[in-house]
PDB file of N, CA and C in Angstrom:
ATOM      1  N   UNK A   1     -21.485 -12.688  23.721  1.00  0.00           N
ATOM      2  CA  UNK A   1     -20.345 -11.858  24.028  1.00  0.00           C
ATOM      3  C   UNK A   1     -20.248 -11.579  25.520  1.00  0.00           C
ATOM      4  N   UNK A   2     -21.355 -11.189  26.106  1.00  0.00           N
ATOM      5  CA  UNK A   2     -21.357 -10.870  27.530  1.00  0.00           C
ATOM      6  C   UNK A   2     -20.995 -12.103  28.337  1.00  0.00           C
ATOM      7  N   UNK A   3     -21.550 -13.261  27.977  1.00  0.00           N
ATOM      8  CA  UNK A   3     -21.231 -14.487  28.706  1.00  0.00           C
ATOM      9  C   UNK A   3     -19.749 -14.806  28.630  1.00  0.00           C
ATOM     10  N   UNK A   4     -19.136 -14.559  27.479  1.00  0.00           N
ATOM     11  CA  UNK A   4     -17.702 -14.796  27.336  1.00  0.00           C
ATOM     12  C   UNK A   4     -16.918 -13.877  28.256  1.00  0.00           C
ATOM     13  N   UNK A   5     -17.309 -12.616  28.330  1.00  0.00           N
ATOM     14  CA  UNK A   5     -16.618 -11.662  29.204  1.00  0.00           C
ATOM     15  C   UNK A   5     -16.727 -12.081  30.661  1.00  0.00           C
ATOM     16  N   UNK A   6     -17.905 -12.495  31.067  1.00  0.00           N
ATOM     17  CA  UNK A   6     -18.105 -12.921  32.453  1.00  0.00           C
ATOM     18  C   UNK A   6     -17.248 -14.139  32.744  1.00  0.00           C
ATOM     19  N   UNK A   7     -17.229 -15.113  31.842  1.00  0.00           N
ATOM     20  CA  UNK A   7     -16.430 -16.321  32.049  1.00  0.00           C
ATOM     21  C   UNK A   7     -14.957 -15.991  32.199  1.00  0.00           C
ATOM     22  N   UNK A   8     -14.450 -15.114  31.349  1.00  0.00           N
ATOM     23  CA  UNK A   8     -13.041 -14.731  31.417  1.00  0.00           C
ATOM     24  C   UNK A   8     -12.739 -14.057  32.743  1.00  0.00           C
ATOM     25  N   UNK A   9     -13.588 -13.151  33.162  1.00  0.00           N
ATOM     26  CA  UNK A   9     -13.347 -12.414  34.395  1.00  0.00           C
ATOM     27  C   UNK A   9     -13.493 -13.302  35.627  1.00  0.00           C
ATOM     28  N   UNK A  10     -14.404 -14.247  35.598  1.00  0.00           N
ATOM     29  CA  UNK A  10     -14.597 -15.118  36.754  1.00  0.00           C
ATOM     30  C   UNK A  10     -13.382 -16.004  36.994  1.00  0.00           C
ATOM     31  N   UNK A  11     -12.604 -16.248  35.960  1.00  0.00           N
ATOM     32  CA  UNK A  11     -11.404 -17.065  36.105  1.00  0.00           C
ATOM     33  C   UNK A  11     -10.283 -16.324  36.832  1.00  0.00           C
ATOM     34  N   UNK A  12     -10.411 -15.014  36.998  1.00  0.00           N
ATOM     35  CA  UNK A  12      -9.348 -14.226  37.624  1.00  0.00           C
ATOM     36  C   UNK A  12      -9.192 -14.531  39.114  1.00  0.00           C
ATOM     37  N   UNK A  13     -10.239 -14.956  39.744  1.00  0.00           N
ATOM     38  CA  UNK A  13     -10.126 -15.280  41.159  1.00  0.00           C
ATOM     39  C   UNK A  13     -11.361 -14.876  41.933  1.00  0.00           C
ATOM     40  N   UNK A  14     -11.545 -15.520  43.077  1.00  0.00           N
ATOM     41  CA  UNK A  14     -12.743 -15.310  43.887  1.00  0.00           C
ATOM     42  C   UNK A  14     -12.879 -13.870  44.365  1.00  0.00           C
ATOM     43  N   UNK A  15     -11.770 -13.211  44.695  1.00  0.00           N
ATOM     44  CA  UNK A  15     -11.867 -11.854  45.231  1.00  0.00           C
ATOM     45  C   UNK A  15     -12.401 -10.865  44.196  1.00  0.00           C
ATOM     46  N   UNK A  16     -12.210 -11.147  42.914  1.00  0.00           N
ATOM     47  CA  UNK A  16     -12.655 -10.224  41.880  1.00  0.00           C
ATOM     48  C   UNK A  16     -14.037 -10.574  41.331  1.00  0.00           C
ATOM     49  N   UNK A  17     -14.525 -11.749  41.637  1.00  0.00           N
ATOM     50  CA  UNK A  17     -15.787 -12.202  41.063  1.00  0.00           C
ATOM     51  C   UNK A  17     -16.923 -11.230  41.336  1.00  0.00           C
ATOM     52  N   UNK A  18     -17.152 -10.915  42.580  1.00  0.00           N
ATOM     53  CA  UNK A  18     -18.315 -10.109  42.941  1.00  0.00           C
ATOM     54  C   UNK A  18     -18.214  -8.708  42.360  1.00  0.00           C
ATOM     55  N   UNK A  19     -17.038  -8.101  42.480  1.00  0.00           N
ATOM     56  CA  UNK A  19     -16.885  -6.742  41.981  1.00  0.00           C
ATOM     57  C   UNK A  19     -17.174  -6.674  40.484  1.00  0.00           C
ATOM     58  N   UNK A  20     -16.597  -7.572  39.738  1.00  0.00           N
ATOM     59  CA  UNK A  20     -16.788  -7.533  38.292  1.00  0.00           C
ATOM     60  C   UNK A  20     -18.234  -7.840  37.940  1.00  0.00           C
ATOM     61  N   UNK A  21     -18.793  -8.843  38.550  1.00  0.00           N
ATOM     62  CA  UNK A  21     -20.168  -9.207  38.244  1.00  0.00           C
ATOM     63  C   UNK A  21     -21.105  -8.047  38.538  1.00  0.00           C
ATOM     64  N   UNK A  22     -20.898  -7.362  39.651  1.00  0.00           N
ATOM     65  CA  UNK A  22     -21.743  -6.221  40.008  1.00  0.00           C
ATOM     66  C   UNK A  22     -21.565  -5.096  38.994  1.00  0.00           C
ATOM     67  N   UNK A  23     -20.315  -4.780  38.651  1.00  0.00           N
ATOM     68  CA  UNK A  23     -20.051  -3.722  37.672  1.00  0.00           C
ATOM     69  C   UNK A  23     -20.665  -4.059  36.318  1.00  0.00           C
ATOM     70  N   UNK A  24     -20.554  -5.298  35.925  1.00  0.00           N
ATOM     71  CA  UNK A  24     -21.112  -5.720  34.647  1.00  0.00           C
ATOM     72  C   UNK A  24     -22.629  -5.569  34.653  1.00  0.00           C
ATOM     73  N   UNK A  25     -23.266  -5.968  35.734  1.00  0.00           N
ATOM     74  CA  UNK A  25     -24.722  -5.846  35.821  1.00  0.00           C
ATOM     75  C   UNK A  25     -25.161  -4.391  35.763  1.00  0.00           C
ATOM     76  N   UNK A  26     -24.417  -3.513  36.398  1.00  0.00           N
ATOM     77  CA  UNK A  26     -24.739  -2.084  36.356  1.00  0.00           C
ATOM     78  C   UNK A  26     -24.618  -1.568  34.925  1.00  0.00           C
ATOM     79  N   UNK A  27     -23.551  -1.958  34.237  1.00  0.00           N
ATOM     80  CA  UNK A  27     -23.368  -1.529  32.845  1.00  0.00           C
ATOM     81  C   UNK A  27     -24.475  -2.074  31.947  1.00  0.00           C
ATOM     82  N   UNK A  28     -24.826  -3.319  32.133  1.00  0.00           N
ATOM     83  CA  UNK A  28     -25.875  -3.921  31.313  1.00  0.00           C
ATOM     84  C   UNK A  28     -27.218  -3.244  31.541  1.00  0.00           C
ATOM     85  N   UNK A  29     -27.488  -2.847  32.773  1.00  0.00           N
ATOM     86  CA  UNK A  29     -28.749  -2.187  33.091  1.00  0.00           C
ATOM     87  C   UNK A  29     -28.861  -0.845  32.371  1.00  0.00           C
ATOM     88  N   UNK A  30     -27.735  -0.200  32.110  1.00  0.00           N
ATOM     89  CA  UNK A  30     -27.735   1.103  31.445  1.00  0.00           C
ATOM     90  C   UNK A  30     -27.803   0.988  29.922  1.00  0.00           C
ATOM     91  N   UNK A  31     -27.480  -0.179  29.390  1.00  0.00           N
ATOM     92  CA  UNK A  31     -27.451  -0.353  27.937  1.00  0.00           C
ATOM     93  C   UNK A  31     -28.865  -0.370  27.370  1.00  0.00           C
ATOM     94  N   UNK A  32     -29.005   0.204  26.198  1.00  0.00           N
ATOM     95  CA  UNK A  32     -30.292   0.204  25.517  1.00  0.00           C
ATOM     96  C   UNK A  32     -30.233  -0.777  24.348  1.00  0.00           C
ATOM     97  N   UNK A  33     -31.363  -1.360  24.040  1.00  0.00           N
ATOM     98  CA  UNK A  33     -31.440  -2.221  22.863  1.00  0.00           C
ATOM     99  C   UNK A  33     -31.444  -1.342  21.616  1.00  0.00           C
ATOM    100  N   UNK A  34     -31.223  -1.945  20.477  1.00  0.00           N
ATOM    101  CA  UNK A  34     -31.286  -1.182  19.232  1.00  0.00           C
ATOM    102  C   UNK A  34     -32.665  -0.573  19.031  1.00  0.00           C
ATOM    103  N   UNK A  35     -33.695  -1.296  19.411  1.00  0.00           N
ATOM    104  CA  UNK A  35     -35.056  -0.778  19.302  1.00  0.00           C
ATOM    105  C   UNK A  35     -35.278   0.437  20.182  1.00  0.00           C
ATOM    106  N   UNK A  36     -34.747   0.404  21.396  1.00  0.00           N
ATOM    107  CA  UNK A  36     -34.870   1.550  22.300  1.00  0.00           C
ATOM    108  C   UNK A  36     -34.097   2.751  21.764  1.00  0.00           C
ATOM    109  N   UNK A  37     -32.924   2.501  21.197  1.00  0.00           N
ATOM    110  CA  UNK A  37     -32.130   3.587  20.618  1.00  0.00           C
ATOM    111  C   UNK A  37     -32.835   4.184  19.404  1.00  0.00           C
ATOM    112  N   UNK A  38     -33.524   3.363  18.636  1.00  0.00           N
ATOM    113  CA  UNK A  38     -34.170   3.811  17.404  1.00  0.00           C
ATOM    114  C   UNK A  38     -35.283   4.814  17.665  1.00  0.00           C
ATOM    115  N   UNK A  39     -35.947   4.687  18.780  1.00  0.00           N
ATOM    116  CA  UNK A  39     -37.106   5.528  19.083  1.00  0.00           C
ATOM    117  C   UNK A  39     -36.778   7.014  18.989  1.00  0.00           C
ATOM    118  N   UNK A  40     -35.616   7.420  19.455  1.00  0.00           N
ATOM    119  CA  UNK A  40     -35.273   8.841  19.511  1.00  0.00           C
ATOM    120  C   UNK A  40     -34.491   9.354  18.306  1.00  0.00           C
ATOM    121  N   UNK A  41     -34.288   8.540  17.311  1.00  0.00           N
ATOM    122  CA  UNK A  41     -33.517   8.987  16.147  1.00  0.00           C
ATOM    123  C   UNK A  41     -34.389   9.806  15.198  1.00  0.00           C
ATOM    124  N   UNK A  42     -33.918  10.981  14.789  1.00  0.00           N
ATOM    125  CA  UNK A  42     -34.703  11.802  13.863  1.00  0.00           C
ATOM    126  C   UNK A  42     -34.647  11.286  12.419  1.00  0.00           C
ATOM    127  N   UNK A  43     -33.602  10.545  12.072  1.00  0.00           N
ATOM    128  CA  UNK A  43     -33.421  10.061  10.708  1.00  0.00           C
ATOM    129  C   UNK A  43     -34.158   8.740  10.510  1.00  0.00           C
ATOM    130  N   UNK A  44     -35.108   8.723   9.575  1.00  0.00           N
ATOM    131  CA  UNK A  44     -35.933   7.530   9.362  1.00  0.00           C
ATOM    132  C   UNK A  44     -35.106   6.321   8.923  1.00  0.00           C
ATOM    133  N   UNK A  45     -34.109   6.535   8.075  1.00  0.00           N
ATOM    134  CA  UNK A  45     -33.283   5.421   7.603  1.00  0.00           C
ATOM    135  C   UNK A  45     -32.513   4.791   8.760  1.00  0.00           C
ATOM    136  N   UNK A  46     -31.951   5.620   9.623  1.00  0.00           N
ATOM    137  CA  UNK A  46     -31.234   5.108  10.797  1.00  0.00           C
ATOM    138  C   UNK A  46     -32.192   4.360  11.717  1.00  0.00           C
ATOM    139  N   UNK A  47     -33.392   4.917  11.914  1.00  0.00           N
ATOM    140  CA  UNK A  47     -34.414   4.250  12.743  1.00  0.00           C
ATOM    141  C   UNK A  47     -34.760   2.887  12.167  1.00  0.00           C
ATOM    142  N   UNK A  48     -35.010   2.855  10.859  1.00  0.00           N
ATOM    143  CA  UNK A  48     -35.380   1.595  10.198  1.00  0.00           C
ATOM    144  C   UNK A  48     -34.272   0.550  10.320  1.00  0.00           C
ATOM    145  N   UNK A  49     -33.017   0.985  10.155  1.00  0.00           N
ATOM    146  CA  UNK A  49     -31.897   0.046  10.258  1.00  0.00           C
ATOM    147  C   UNK A  49     -31.796  -0.523  11.670  1.00  0.00           C
ATOM    148  N   UNK A  50     -31.907   0.319  12.683  1.00  0.00           N
ATOM    149  CA  UNK A  50     -31.826  -0.180  14.062  1.00  0.00           C
ATOM    150  C   UNK A  50     -32.996  -1.102  14.390  1.00  0.00           C
ATOM    151  N   UNK A  51     -34.176  -0.799  13.882  1.00  0.00           N
ATOM    152  CA  UNK A  51     -35.324  -1.675  14.126  1.00  0.00           C
ATOM    153  C   UNK A  51     -35.131  -3.021  13.410  1.00  0.00           C
ATOM    154  N   UNK A  52     -34.538  -2.990  12.220  1.00  0.00           N
ATOM    155  CA  UNK A  52     -34.230  -4.233  11.503  1.00  0.00           C
ATOM    156  C   UNK A  52     -33.225  -5.065  12.290  1.00  0.00           C
ATOM    157  N   UNK A  53     -32.194  -4.401  12.819  1.00  0.00           N
ATOM    158  CA  UNK A  53     -31.194  -5.099  13.628  1.00  0.00           C
ATOM    159  C   UNK A  53     -31.851  -5.729  14.854  1.00  0.00           C
ATOM    160  N   UNK A  54     -32.770  -5.021  15.467  1.00  0.00           N
ATOM    161  CA  UNK A  54     -33.487  -5.536  16.640  1.00  0.00           C
ATOM    162  C   UNK A  54     -34.327  -6.751  16.254  1.00  0.00           C
ATOM    163  N   UNK A  55     -35.050  -6.626  15.158  1.00  0.00           N
ATOM    164  CA  UNK A  55     -35.952  -7.701  14.733  1.00  0.00           C
ATOM    165  C   UNK A  55     -35.181  -8.966  14.345  1.00  0.00           C
ATOM    166  N   UNK A  56     -34.061  -8.793  13.645  1.00  0.00           N
ATOM    167  CA  UNK A  56     -33.276  -9.945  13.191  1.00  0.00           C
ATOM    168  C   UNK A  56     -32.275 -10.432  14.230  1.00  0.00           C
ATOM    169  N   UNK A  57     -32.087  -9.667  15.291  1.00  0.00           N
ATOM    170  CA  UNK A  57     -31.081 -10.003  16.313  1.00  0.00           C
ATOM    171  C   UNK A  57     -29.712 -10.167  15.650  1.00  0.00           C
ATOM    172  N   UNK A  58     -29.398  -9.223  14.775  1.00  0.00           N
ATOM    173  CA  UNK A  58     -28.159  -9.287  14.005  1.00  0.00           C
ATOM    174  C   UNK A  58     -27.702  -7.881  13.639  1.00  0.00           C
ATOM    175  N   UNK A  59     -26.405  -7.721  13.473  1.00  0.00           N
ATOM    176  CA  UNK A  59     -25.887  -6.463  12.937  1.00  0.00           C
ATOM    177  C   UNK A  59     -24.883  -6.748  11.821  1.00  0.00           C
ATOM    178  N   UNK A  60     -25.034  -7.903  11.206  1.00  0.00           N
ATOM    179  CA  UNK A  60     -24.103  -8.315  10.156  1.00  0.00           C
ATOM    180  C   UNK A  60     -24.317  -7.539   8.862  1.00  0.00           C
ATOM    181  N   UNK A  61     -23.208  -7.166   8.236  1.00  0.00           N
ATOM    182  CA  UNK A  61     -23.231  -6.534   6.923  1.00  0.00           C
ATOM    183  C   UNK A  61     -22.357  -7.366   5.990  1.00  0.00           C
ATOM    184  N   UNK A  62     -22.757  -7.438   4.737  1.00  0.00           N
ATOM    185  CA  UNK A  62     -22.005  -8.212   3.753  1.00  0.00           C
ATOM    186  C   UNK A  62     -21.689  -7.313   2.562  1.00  0.00           C
ATOM    187  N   UNK A  63     -20.439  -7.346   2.143  1.00  0.00           N
ATOM    188  CA  UNK A  63     -20.023  -6.636   0.936  1.00  0.00           C
ATOM    189  C   UNK A  63     -19.721  -7.672  -0.138  1.00  0.00           C
ATOM    190  N   UNK A  64     -20.360  -7.538  -1.272  1.00  0.00           N
ATOM    191  CA  UNK A  64     -20.170  -8.489  -2.366  1.00  0.00           C
ATOM    192  C   UNK A  64     -19.284  -7.885  -3.445  1.00  0.00           C
ATOM    193  N   UNK A  65     -18.367  -8.687  -3.928  1.00  0.00           N
ATOM    194  CA  UNK A  65     -17.511  -8.285  -5.031  1.00  0.00           C
ATOM    195  C   UNK A  65     -17.757  -9.275  -6.163  1.00  0.00           C
ATOM    196  N   UNK A  66     -18.818  -9.031  -6.912  1.00  0.00           N
ATOM    197  CA  UNK A  66     -19.200  -9.926  -8.005  1.00  0.00           C
ATOM    198  C   UNK A  66     -19.314  -9.113  -9.292  1.00  0.00           C
ATOM    199  N   UNK A  67     -19.369  -9.811 -10.407  1.00  0.00           N
ATOM    200  CA  UNK A  67     -19.359  -9.108 -11.692  1.00  0.00           C
ATOM    201  C   UNK A  67     -20.705  -9.072 -12.404  1.00  0.00           C
ATOM    202  N   UNK A  68     -21.663  -9.868 -11.938  1.00  0.00           N
ATOM    203  CA  UNK A  68     -22.965  -9.851 -12.614  1.00  0.00           C
ATOM    204  C   UNK A  68     -24.088  -9.613 -11.617  1.00  0.00           C
ATOM    205  N   UNK A  69     -25.156  -9.059 -12.151  1.00  0.00           N
ATOM    206  CA  UNK A  69     -26.332  -8.817 -11.328  1.00  0.00           C
ATOM    207  C   UNK A  69     -26.887 -10.141 -10.797  1.00  0.00           C
ATOM    208  N   UNK A  70     -26.858 -11.179 -11.624  1.00  0.00           N
ATOM    209  CA  UNK A  70     -27.398 -12.480 -11.208  1.00  0.00           C
ATOM    210  C   UNK A  70     -26.619 -13.067 -10.031  1.00  0.00           C
ATOM    211  N   UNK A  71     -25.287 -12.956 -10.065  1.00  0.00           N
ATOM    212  CA  UNK A  71     -24.475 -13.426  -8.930  1.00  0.00           C
ATOM    213  C   UNK A  71     -24.860 -12.678  -7.657  1.00  0.00           C
ATOM    214  N   UNK A  72     -25.001 -11.364  -7.799  1.00  0.00           N
ATOM    215  CA  UNK A  72     -25.369 -10.528  -6.658  1.00  0.00           C
ATOM    216  C   UNK A  72     -26.712 -10.977  -6.081  1.00  0.00           C
ATOM    217  N   UNK A  73     -27.700 -11.151  -6.950  1.00  0.00           N
ATOM    218  CA  UNK A  73     -29.036 -11.540  -6.493  1.00  0.00           C
ATOM    219  C   UNK A  73     -29.058 -12.942  -5.890  1.00  0.00           C
ATOM    220  N   UNK A  74     -28.302 -13.867  -6.469  1.00  0.00           N
ATOM    221  CA  UNK A  74     -28.241 -15.232  -5.928  1.00  0.00           C
ATOM    222  C   UNK A  74     -27.686 -15.234  -4.504  1.00  0.00           C
ATOM    223  N   UNK A  75     -26.601 -14.517  -4.312  1.00  0.00           N
ATOM    224  CA  UNK A  75     -25.995 -14.453  -2.976  1.00  0.00           C
ATOM    225  C   UNK A  75     -26.911 -13.701  -2.017  1.00  0.00           C
ATOM    226  N   UNK A  76     -27.518 -12.617  -2.495  1.00  0.00           N
ATOM    227  CA  UNK A  76     -28.432 -11.840  -1.651  1.00  0.00           C
ATOM    228  C   UNK A  76     -29.582 -12.713  -1.150  1.00  0.00           C
ATOM    229  N   UNK A  77     -30.119 -13.554  -2.020  1.00  0.00           N
ATOM    230  CA  UNK A  77     -31.203 -14.462  -1.613  1.00  0.00           C
ATOM    231  C   UNK A  77     -30.753 -15.426  -0.520  1.00  0.00           C
ATOM    232  N   UNK A  78     -29.517 -15.880  -0.614  1.00  0.00           N
ATOM    233  CA  UNK A  78     -29.012 -16.859   0.353  1.00  0.00           C
ATOM    234  C   UNK A  78     -28.685 -16.244   1.709  1.00  0.00           C
ATOM    235  N   UNK A  79     -28.088 -15.063   1.710  1.00  0.00           N
ATOM    236  CA  UNK A  79     -27.641 -14.475   2.984  1.00  0.00           C
ATOM    237  C   UNK A  79     -28.651 -13.493   3.579  1.00  0.00           C
ATOM    238  N   UNK A  80     -29.619 -13.069   2.782  1.00  0.00           N
ATOM    239  CA  UNK A  80     -30.584 -12.059   3.208  1.00  0.00           C
ATOM    240  C   UNK A  80     -31.227 -12.265   4.573  1.00  0.00           C
ATOM    241  N   UNK A  81     -31.675 -13.470   4.889  1.00  0.00           N
ATOM    242  CA  UNK A  81     -32.328 -13.673   6.186  1.00  0.00           C
ATOM    243  C   UNK A  81     -31.409 -13.470   7.394  1.00  0.00           C
ATOM    244  N   UNK A  82     -30.112 -13.468   7.173  1.00  0.00           N
ATOM    245  CA  UNK A  82     -29.161 -13.443   8.283  1.00  0.00           C
ATOM    246  C   UNK A  82     -28.430 -12.116   8.453  1.00  0.00           C
ATOM    247  N   UNK A  83     -28.656 -11.176   7.546  1.00  0.00           N
ATOM    248  CA  UNK A  83     -27.893  -9.926   7.579  1.00  0.00           C
ATOM    249  C   UNK A  83     -28.821  -8.718   7.642  1.00  0.00           C
ATOM    250  N   UNK A  84     -28.219  -7.560   7.906  1.00  0.00           N
ATOM    251  CA  UNK A  84     -28.981  -6.313   7.947  1.00  0.00           C
ATOM    252  C   UNK A  84     -28.602  -5.352   6.835  1.00  0.00           C
ATOM    253  N   UNK A  85     -27.447  -5.546   6.248  1.00  0.00           N
ATOM    254  CA  UNK A  85     -26.960  -4.609   5.237  1.00  0.00           C
ATOM    255  C   UNK A  85     -26.177  -5.372   4.174  1.00  0.00           C
ATOM    256  N   UNK A  86     -26.444  -5.042   2.924  1.00  0.00           N
ATOM    257  CA  UNK A  86     -25.749  -5.675   1.803  1.00  0.00           C
ATOM    258  C   UNK A  86     -25.268  -4.581   0.871  1.00  0.00           C
ATOM    259  N   UNK A  87     -23.980  -4.642   0.559  1.00  0.00           N
ATOM    260  CA  UNK A  87     -23.455  -3.638  -0.387  1.00  0.00           C
ATOM    261  C   UNK A  87     -22.575  -4.309  -1.406  1.00  0.00           C
TER     262      UNK A  87
END
């Protein structure tokens, strides 16, 4: 995502390149990872979710609309490694 933003902004012209790149770097330096954010959370479930997102490098959630438990479990087995939340 960040690389896409930089690419788009760099196309605006040479005069804006440095300003945007500098501003972006300052913003990125202030951003915390999900793991860093999790440290200060009082809620264990929220902490666990952010640590899972950090570990999997993902924040994907999947909502299933199926009619049987077996369908749900089959899909859960397939997508489980790639997601953080299943409902």
